[in-house]
Amino acid sequence: MAELTRTRSVLAVQDLATSVDYYTRVLGTVDGIDEFYSELMGNGATLIQTLADKPWRMREFGVRTPDGHRIMFGQEL
């Protein structure tokens, strides 16, 4: 299973139980952006940006949480 290596977030949520479920069941934790992307798609995450290599030397994608937050995940190329 992949693993997130760095993150910092403070997010307002409307329903704590729903948000906890989303971050633990849908997002989970991973190491390796391609595996993480596949895992989230299988868990039903809502994409705002598909996985792609960016000119700033990152491979990244974005999701939207149940509360409408946009979260980007990336891995250095």
PDB file of N, CA and C in Angstrom:
ATOM      1  N   MET A   1       0.845  -1.174   0.000  1.00  0.00           N
ATOM      2  CA  MET A   1       0.000   0.000   0.000  1.00  0.00           C
ATOM      3  C   MET A   1       0.891   1.237   0.000  1.00  0.00           C
ATOM      4  N   ALA A   2       0.479   2.247  -0.713  1.00  0.00           N
ATOM      5  CA  ALA A   2       1.238   3.490  -0.804  1.00  0.00           C
ATOM      6  C   ALA A   2       1.106   4.300   0.483  1.00  0.00           C
ATOM      7  N   GLU A   3       1.952   5.343   0.617  1.00  0.00           N
ATOM      8  CA  GLU A   3       1.964   6.133   1.845  1.00  0.00           C
ATOM      9  C   GLU A   3       2.200   7.604   1.540  1.00  0.00           C
ATOM     10  N   LEU A   4       1.375   8.479   2.105  1.00  0.00           N
ATOM     11  CA  LEU A   4       1.611   9.921   1.987  1.00  0.00           C
ATOM     12  C   LEU A   4       2.844  10.255   2.798  1.00  0.00           C
ATOM     13  N   THR A   5       3.704  11.120   2.258  1.00  0.00           N
ATOM     14  CA  THR A   5       4.938  11.436   2.969  1.00  0.00           C
ATOM     15  C   THR A   5       4.916  12.810   3.623  1.00  0.00           C
ATOM     16  N   ARG A   6       4.163  13.777   3.061  1.00  0.00           N
ATOM     17  CA  ARG A   6       4.068  15.105   3.662  1.00  0.00           C
ATOM     18  C   ARG A   6       2.704  15.709   3.372  1.00  0.00           C
ATOM     19  N   THR A   7       2.084  16.282   4.391  1.00  0.00           N
ATOM     20  CA  THR A   7       0.840  16.999   4.192  1.00  0.00           C
ATOM     21  C   THR A   7       0.586  17.926   5.367  1.00  0.00           C
ATOM     22  N   ARG A   8      -0.063  19.053   5.080  1.00  0.00           N
ATOM     23  CA  ARG A   8      -0.487  19.985   6.131  1.00  0.00           C
ATOM     24  C   ARG A   8      -1.839  20.533   5.714  1.00  0.00           C
ATOM     25  N   SER A   9      -2.843  20.372   6.576  1.00  0.00           N
ATOM     26  CA  SER A   9      -4.184  20.825   6.231  1.00  0.00           C
ATOM     27  C   SER A   9      -4.965  21.229   7.473  1.00  0.00           C
ATOM     28  N   VAL A  10      -5.760  22.263   7.325  1.00  0.00           N
ATOM     29  CA  VAL A  10      -6.764  22.627   8.318  1.00  0.00           C
ATOM     30  C   VAL A  10      -8.023  22.876   7.509  1.00  0.00           C
ATOM     31  N   LEU A  11      -9.031  22.038   7.701  1.00  0.00           N
ATOM     32  CA  LEU A  11     -10.232  22.111   6.883  1.00  0.00           C
ATOM     33  C   LEU A  11     -11.481  22.234   7.749  1.00  0.00           C
ATOM     34  N   ALA A  12     -12.358  23.138   7.363  1.00  0.00           N
ATOM     35  CA  ALA A  12     -13.659  23.232   8.015  1.00  0.00           C
ATOM     36  C   ALA A  12     -14.557  22.149   7.421  1.00  0.00           C
ATOM     37  N   VAL A  13     -15.301  21.453   8.259  1.00  0.00           N
ATOM     38  CA  VAL A  13     -16.206  20.410   7.789  1.00  0.00           C
ATOM     39  C   VAL A  13     -17.589  20.610   8.401  1.00  0.00           C
ATOM     40  N   GLN A  14     -18.609  20.162   7.673  1.00  0.00           N
ATOM     41  CA  GLN A  14     -19.979  20.287   8.170  1.00  0.00           C
ATOM     42  C   GLN A  14     -20.384  19.106   9.028  1.00  0.00           C
ATOM     43  N   ASP A  15     -19.860  17.927   8.720  1.00  0.00           N
ATOM     44  CA  ASP A  15     -20.227  16.708   9.439  1.00  0.00           C
ATOM     45  C   ASP A  15     -18.949  15.924   9.703  1.00  0.00           C
ATOM     46  N   LEU A  16     -18.490  15.921  10.947  1.00  0.00           N
ATOM     47  CA  LEU A  16     -17.210  15.306  11.285  1.00  0.00           C
ATOM     48  C   LEU A  16     -17.180  13.820  10.943  1.00  0.00           C
ATOM     49  N   ALA A  17     -18.240  13.089  11.239  1.00  0.00           N
ATOM     50  CA  ALA A  17     -18.260  11.646  10.964  1.00  0.00           C
ATOM     51  C   ALA A  17     -18.125  11.371   9.462  1.00  0.00           C
ATOM     52  N   THR A  18     -18.835  12.150   8.641  1.00  0.00           N
ATOM     53  CA  THR A  18     -18.738  11.981   7.185  1.00  0.00           C
ATOM     54  C   THR A  18     -17.325  12.274   6.704  1.00  0.00           C
ATOM     55  N   SER A  19     -16.736  13.329   7.226  1.00  0.00           N
ATOM     56  CA  SER A  19     -15.382  13.694   6.815  1.00  0.00           C
ATOM     57  C   SER A  19     -14.349  12.678   7.265  1.00  0.00           C
ATOM     58  N   VAL A  20     -14.453  12.187   8.484  1.00  0.00           N
ATOM     59  CA  VAL A  20     -13.529  11.159   8.970  1.00  0.00           C
ATOM     60  C   VAL A  20     -13.635   9.925   8.083  1.00  0.00           C
ATOM     61  N   ASP A  21     -14.851   9.518   7.753  1.00  0.00           N
ATOM     62  CA  ASP A  21     -15.045   8.361   6.872  1.00  0.00           C
ATOM     63  C   ASP A  21     -14.385   8.600   5.523  1.00  0.00           C
ATOM     64  N   TYR A  22     -14.572   9.789   4.961  1.00  0.00           N
ATOM     65  CA  TYR A  22     -13.984  10.101   3.656  1.00  0.00           C
ATOM     66  C   TYR A  22     -12.462  10.031   3.702  1.00  0.00           C
ATOM     67  N   TYR A  23     -11.855  10.673   4.687  1.00  0.00           N
ATOM     68  CA  TYR A  23     -10.390  10.719   4.739  1.00  0.00           C
ATOM     69  C   TYR A  23      -9.770   9.373   5.089  1.00  0.00           C
ATOM     70  N   THR A  24     -10.469   8.535   5.811  1.00  0.00           N
ATOM     71  CA  THR A  24      -9.895   7.237   6.170  1.00  0.00           C
ATOM     72  C   THR A  24     -10.278   6.126   5.197  1.00  0.00           C
ATOM     73  N   ARG A  25     -11.542   6.095   4.731  1.00  0.00           N
ATOM     74  CA  ARG A  25     -11.987   5.008   3.864  1.00  0.00           C
ATOM     75  C   ARG A  25     -11.730   5.318   2.390  1.00  0.00           C
ATOM     76  N   VAL A  26     -12.101   6.516   1.934  1.00  0.00           N
ATOM     77  CA  VAL A  26     -11.959   6.848   0.516  1.00  0.00           C
ATOM     78  C   VAL A  26     -10.514   7.204   0.179  1.00  0.00           C
ATOM     79  N   LEU A  27      -9.909   8.133   0.941  1.00  0.00           N
ATOM     80  CA  LEU A  27      -8.546   8.549   0.639  1.00  0.00           C
ATOM     81  C   LEU A  27      -7.502   7.552   1.119  1.00  0.00           C
ATOM     82  N   GLY A  28      -7.602   7.055   2.367  1.00  0.00           N
ATOM     83  CA  GLY A  28      -6.619   6.106   2.879  1.00  0.00           C
ATOM     84  C   GLY A  28      -5.224   6.719   2.894  1.00  0.00           C
ATOM     85  N   THR A  29      -4.188   5.891   2.833  1.00  0.00           N
ATOM     86  CA  THR A  29      -2.799   6.367   2.743  1.00  0.00           C
ATOM     87  C   THR A  29      -2.020   5.541   1.741  1.00  0.00           C
ATOM     88  N   VAL A  30      -1.102   6.193   0.957  1.00  0.00           N
ATOM     89  CA  VAL A  30      -0.359   5.486  -0.087  1.00  0.00           C
ATOM     90  C   VAL A  30       1.019   6.086  -0.315  1.00  0.00           C
ATOM     91  N   ASP A  31       1.939   5.321  -0.899  1.00  0.00           N
ATOM     92  CA  ASP A  31       3.252   5.791  -1.324  1.00  0.00           C
ATOM     93  C   ASP A  31       3.383   5.425  -2.795  1.00  0.00           C
ATOM     94  N   GLY A  32       3.482   6.416  -3.650  1.00  0.00           N
ATOM     95  CA  GLY A  32       3.501   6.191  -5.095  1.00  0.00           C
ATOM     96  C   GLY A  32       2.239   6.784  -5.694  1.00  0.00           C
ATOM     97  N   ILE A  33       2.375   7.872  -6.417  1.00  0.00           N
ATOM     98  CA  ILE A  33       1.225   8.632  -6.897  1.00  0.00           C
ATOM     99  C   ILE A  33       0.336   7.836  -7.845  1.00  0.00           C
ATOM    100  N   ASP A  34       0.910   6.988  -8.708  1.00  0.00           N
ATOM    101  CA  ASP A  34       0.089   6.212  -9.644  1.00  0.00           C
ATOM    102  C   ASP A  34      -0.786   5.203  -8.911  1.00  0.00           C
ATOM    103  N   GLU A  35      -0.207   4.528  -7.932  1.00  0.00           N
ATOM    104  CA  GLU A  35      -0.969   3.573  -7.131  1.00  0.00           C
ATOM    105  C   GLU A  35      -2.047   4.302  -6.326  1.00  0.00           C
ATOM    106  N   PHE A  36      -1.693   5.452  -5.753  1.00  0.00           N
ATOM    107  CA  PHE A  36      -2.639   6.237  -4.964  1.00  0.00           C
ATOM    108  C   PHE A  36      -3.816   6.685  -5.827  1.00  0.00           C
ATOM    109  N   TYR A  37      -3.525   7.157  -7.020  1.00  0.00           N
ATOM    110  CA  TYR A  37      -4.561   7.590  -7.954  1.00  0.00           C
ATOM    111  C   TYR A  37      -5.524   6.438  -8.255  1.00  0.00           C
ATOM    112  N   SER A  38      -4.996   5.287  -8.584  1.00  0.00           N
ATOM    113  CA  SER A  38      -5.831   4.111  -8.883  1.00  0.00           C
ATOM    114  C   SER A  38      -6.677   3.716  -7.683  1.00  0.00           C
ATOM    115  N   GLU A  39      -6.070   3.767  -6.513  1.00  0.00           N
ATOM    116  CA  GLU A  39      -6.777   3.402  -5.288  1.00  0.00           C
ATOM    117  C   GLU A  39      -7.943   4.357  -5.028  1.00  0.00           C
ATOM    118  N   LEU A  40      -7.708   5.651  -5.159  1.00  0.00           N
ATOM    119  CA  LEU A  40      -8.769   6.626  -4.925  1.00  0.00           C
ATOM    120  C   LEU A  40      -9.897   6.495  -5.935  1.00  0.00           C
ATOM    121  N   MET A  41      -9.552   6.226  -7.186  1.00  0.00           N
ATOM    122  CA  MET A  41     -10.592   6.031  -8.199  1.00  0.00           C
ATOM    123  C   MET A  41     -11.467   4.826  -7.825  1.00  0.00           C
ATOM    124  N   GLY A  42     -10.832   3.762  -7.342  1.00  0.00           N
ATOM    125  CA  GLY A  42     -11.569   2.581  -6.913  1.00  0.00           C
ATOM    126  C   GLY A  42     -12.403   2.824  -5.669  1.00  0.00           C
ATOM    127  N   ASN A  43     -12.001   3.814  -4.853  1.00  0.00           N
ATOM    128  CA  ASN A  43     -12.732   4.142  -3.623  1.00  0.00           C
ATOM    129  C   ASN A  43     -13.849   5.149  -3.858  1.00  0.00           C
ATOM    130  N   GLY A  44     -13.979   5.648  -5.069  1.00  0.00           N
ATOM    131  CA  GLY A  44     -15.068   6.567  -5.376  1.00  0.00           C
ATOM    132  C   GLY A  44     -14.756   8.039  -5.162  1.00  0.00           C
ATOM    133  N   ALA A  45     -13.487   8.431  -5.155  1.00  0.00           N
ATOM    134  CA  ALA A  45     -13.132   9.840  -4.997  1.00  0.00           C
ATOM    135  C   ALA A  45     -13.622  10.638  -6.202  1.00  0.00           C
ATOM    136  N   THR A  46     -13.986  11.898  -5.964  1.00  0.00           N
ATOM    137  CA  THR A  46     -14.424  12.792  -7.032  1.00  0.00           C
ATOM    138  C   THR A  46     -13.228  13.594  -7.531  1.00  0.00           C
ATOM    139  N   LEU A  47     -12.869  13.399  -8.789  1.00  0.00           N
ATOM    140  CA  LEU A  47     -11.717  14.088  -9.373  1.00  0.00           C
ATOM    141  C   LEU A  47     -12.050  15.517  -9.774  1.00  0.00           C
ATOM    142  N   ILE A  48     -11.086  16.411  -9.559  1.00  0.00           N
ATOM    143  CA  ILE A  48     -11.165  17.753 -10.133  1.00  0.00           C
ATOM    144  C   ILE A  48     -10.049  17.937 -11.161  1.00  0.00           C
ATOM    145  N   GLN A  49      -9.057  17.049 -11.113  1.00  0.00           N
ATOM    146  CA  GLN A  49      -7.952  17.078 -12.081  1.00  0.00           C
ATOM    147  C   GLN A  49      -7.384  15.677 -12.196  1.00  0.00           C
ATOM    148  N   THR A  50      -7.241  15.165 -13.424  1.00  0.00           N
ATOM    149  CA  THR A  50      -6.697  13.830 -13.631  1.00  0.00           C
ATOM    150  C   THR A  50      -5.184  13.825 -13.416  1.00  0.00           C
ATOM    151  N   LEU A  51      -4.650  12.654 -13.204  1.00  0.00           N
ATOM    152  CA  LEU A  51      -3.217  12.471 -12.972  1.00  0.00           C
ATOM    153  C   LEU A  51      -2.420  12.870 -14.205  1.00  0.00           C
ATOM    154  N   ALA A  52      -1.426  13.736 -14.017  1.00  0.00           N
ATOM    155  CA  ALA A  52      -0.612  14.201 -15.145  1.00  0.00           C
ATOM    156  C   ALA A  52       0.721  14.741 -14.652  1.00  0.00           C
ATOM    157  N   ASP A  53       1.728  14.671 -15.525  1.00  0.00           N
ATOM    158  CA  ASP A  53       3.026  15.295 -15.256  1.00  0.00           C
ATOM    159  C   ASP A  53       2.901  16.788 -15.547  1.00  0.00           C
ATOM    160  N   LYS A  54       3.408  17.611 -14.632  1.00  0.00           N
ATOM    161  CA  LYS A  54       3.302  19.066 -14.758  1.00  0.00           C
ATOM    162  C   LYS A  54       4.662  19.677 -15.084  1.00  0.00           C
ATOM    163  N   PRO A  55       4.669  20.855 -15.717  1.00  0.00           N
ATOM    164  CA  PRO A  55       5.933  21.515 -16.072  1.00  0.00           C
ATOM    165  C   PRO A  55       6.794  21.843 -14.859  1.00  0.00           C
ATOM    166  N   TRP A  56       6.193  21.938 -13.688  1.00  0.00           N
ATOM    167  CA  TRP A  56       6.956  22.256 -12.469  1.00  0.00           C
ATOM    168  C   TRP A  56       7.535  21.009 -11.820  1.00  0.00           C
ATOM    169  N   ARG A  57       7.661  19.938 -12.633  1.00  0.00           N
ATOM    170  CA  ARG A  57       8.320  18.689 -12.231  1.00  0.00           C
ATOM    171  C   ARG A  57       7.581  17.942 -11.117  1.00  0.00           C
ATOM    172  N   MET A  58       6.256  17.974 -11.207  1.00  0.00           N
ATOM    173  CA  MET A  58       5.411  17.213 -10.294  1.00  0.00           C
ATOM    174  C   MET A  58       4.463  16.358 -11.116  1.00  0.00           C
ATOM    175  N   ARG A  59       4.169  15.167 -10.621  1.00  0.00           N
ATOM    176  CA  ARG A  59       3.112  14.314 -11.164  1.00  0.00           C
ATOM    177  C   ARG A  59       1.995  14.429 -10.153  1.00  0.00           C
ATOM    178  N   GLU A  60       0.834  14.958 -10.559  1.00  0.00           N
ATOM    179  CA  GLU A  60      -0.187  15.268  -9.572  1.00  0.00           C
ATOM    180  C   GLU A  60      -1.608  15.132 -10.104  1.00  0.00           C
ATOM    181  N   PHE A  61      -2.554  15.100  -9.155  1.00  0.00           N
ATOM    182  CA  PHE A  61      -3.981  15.074  -9.470  1.00  0.00           C
ATOM    183  C   PHE A  61      -4.723  15.712  -8.303  1.00  0.00           C
ATOM    184  N   GLY A  62      -5.996  16.032  -8.533  1.00  0.00           N
ATOM    185  CA  GLY A  62      -6.782  16.683  -7.493  1.00  0.00           C
ATOM    186  C   GLY A  62      -8.128  16.016  -7.279  1.00  0.00           C
ATOM    187  N   VAL A  63      -8.612  16.093  -6.042  1.00  0.00           N
ATOM    188  CA  VAL A  63      -9.924  15.553  -5.681  1.00  0.00           C
ATOM    189  C   VAL A  63     -10.724  16.633  -4.947  1.00  0.00           C
ATOM    190  N   ARG A  64     -12.039  16.418  -4.881  1.00  0.00           N
ATOM    191  CA  ARG A  64     -12.930  17.276  -4.115  1.00  0.00           C
ATOM    192  C   ARG A  64     -13.520  16.449  -2.978  1.00  0.00           C
ATOM    193  N   THR A  65     -13.485  16.997  -1.769  1.00  0.00           N
ATOM    194  CA  THR A  65     -14.018  16.299  -0.592  1.00  0.00           C
ATOM    195  C   THR A  65     -15.533  16.500  -0.507  1.00  0.00           C
ATOM    196  N   PRO A  66     -16.217  15.755   0.367  1.00  0.00           N
ATOM    197  CA  PRO A  66     -17.656  15.945   0.538  1.00  0.00           C
ATOM    198  C   PRO A  66     -18.021  17.369   0.961  1.00  0.00           C
ATOM    199  N   ASP A  67     -17.100  18.087   1.595  1.00  0.00           N
ATOM    200  CA  ASP A  67     -17.358  19.467   2.033  1.00  0.00           C
ATOM    201  C   ASP A  67     -16.963  20.490   0.970  1.00  0.00           C
ATOM    202  N   GLY A  68     -16.533  20.028  -0.197  1.00  0.00           N
ATOM    203  CA  GLY A  68     -16.190  20.933  -1.281  1.00  0.00           C
ATOM    204  C   GLY A  68     -14.748  21.407  -1.297  1.00  0.00           C
ATOM    205  N   HIS A  69     -13.909  20.894  -0.398  1.00  0.00           N
ATOM    206  CA  HIS A  69     -12.497  21.269  -0.413  1.00  0.00           C
ATOM    207  C   HIS A  69     -11.810  20.620  -1.607  1.00  0.00           C
ATOM    208  N   ARG A  70     -10.881  21.341  -2.210  1.00  0.00           N
ATOM    209  CA  ARG A  70     -10.072  20.798  -3.300  1.00  0.00           C
ATOM    210  C   ARG A  70      -8.717  20.415  -2.712  1.00  0.00           C
ATOM    211  N   ILE A  71      -8.310  19.177  -2.936  1.00  0.00           N
ATOM    212  CA  ILE A  71      -7.031  18.692  -2.421  1.00  0.00           C
ATOM    213  C   ILE A  71      -6.212  18.172  -3.592  1.00  0.00           C
ATOM    214  N   MET A  72      -4.976  18.649  -3.690  1.00  0.00           N
ATOM    215  CA  MET A  72      -4.051  18.178  -4.715  1.00  0.00           C
ATOM    216  C   MET A  72      -3.055  17.220  -4.069  1.00  0.00           C
ATOM    217  N   PHE A  73      -2.756  16.131  -4.777  1.00  0.00           N
ATOM    218  CA  PHE A  73      -1.749  15.166  -4.353  1.00  0.00           C
ATOM    219  C   PHE A  73      -0.677  15.148  -5.432  1.00  0.00           C
ATOM    220  N   GLY A  74       0.582  15.116  -5.037  1.00  0.00           N
ATOM    221  CA  GLY A  74       1.631  15.114  -6.024  1.00  0.00           C
ATOM    222  C   GLY A  74       2.877  14.391  -5.576  1.00  0.00           C
ATOM    223  N   GLN A  75       3.670  14.038  -6.556  1.00  0.00           N
ATOM    224  CA  GLN A  75       4.949  13.383  -6.321  1.00  0.00           C
ATOM    225  C   GLN A  75       5.978  14.051  -7.229  1.00  0.00           C
ATOM    226  N   GLU A  76       7.124  14.366  -6.697  1.00  0.00           N
ATOM    227  CA  GLU A  76       8.179  14.984  -7.496  1.00  0.00           C
ATOM    228  C   GLU A  76       8.643  14.038  -8.586  1.00  0.00           C
ATOM    229  N   LEU A  77       8.893  14.586  -9.766  1.00  0.00           N
ATOM    230  CA  LEU A  77       9.401  13.784 -10.872  1.00  0.00           C
ATOM    231  C   LEU A  77      10.911  13.684 -10.797  1.00  0.00           C
TER     232      LEU A  77
END
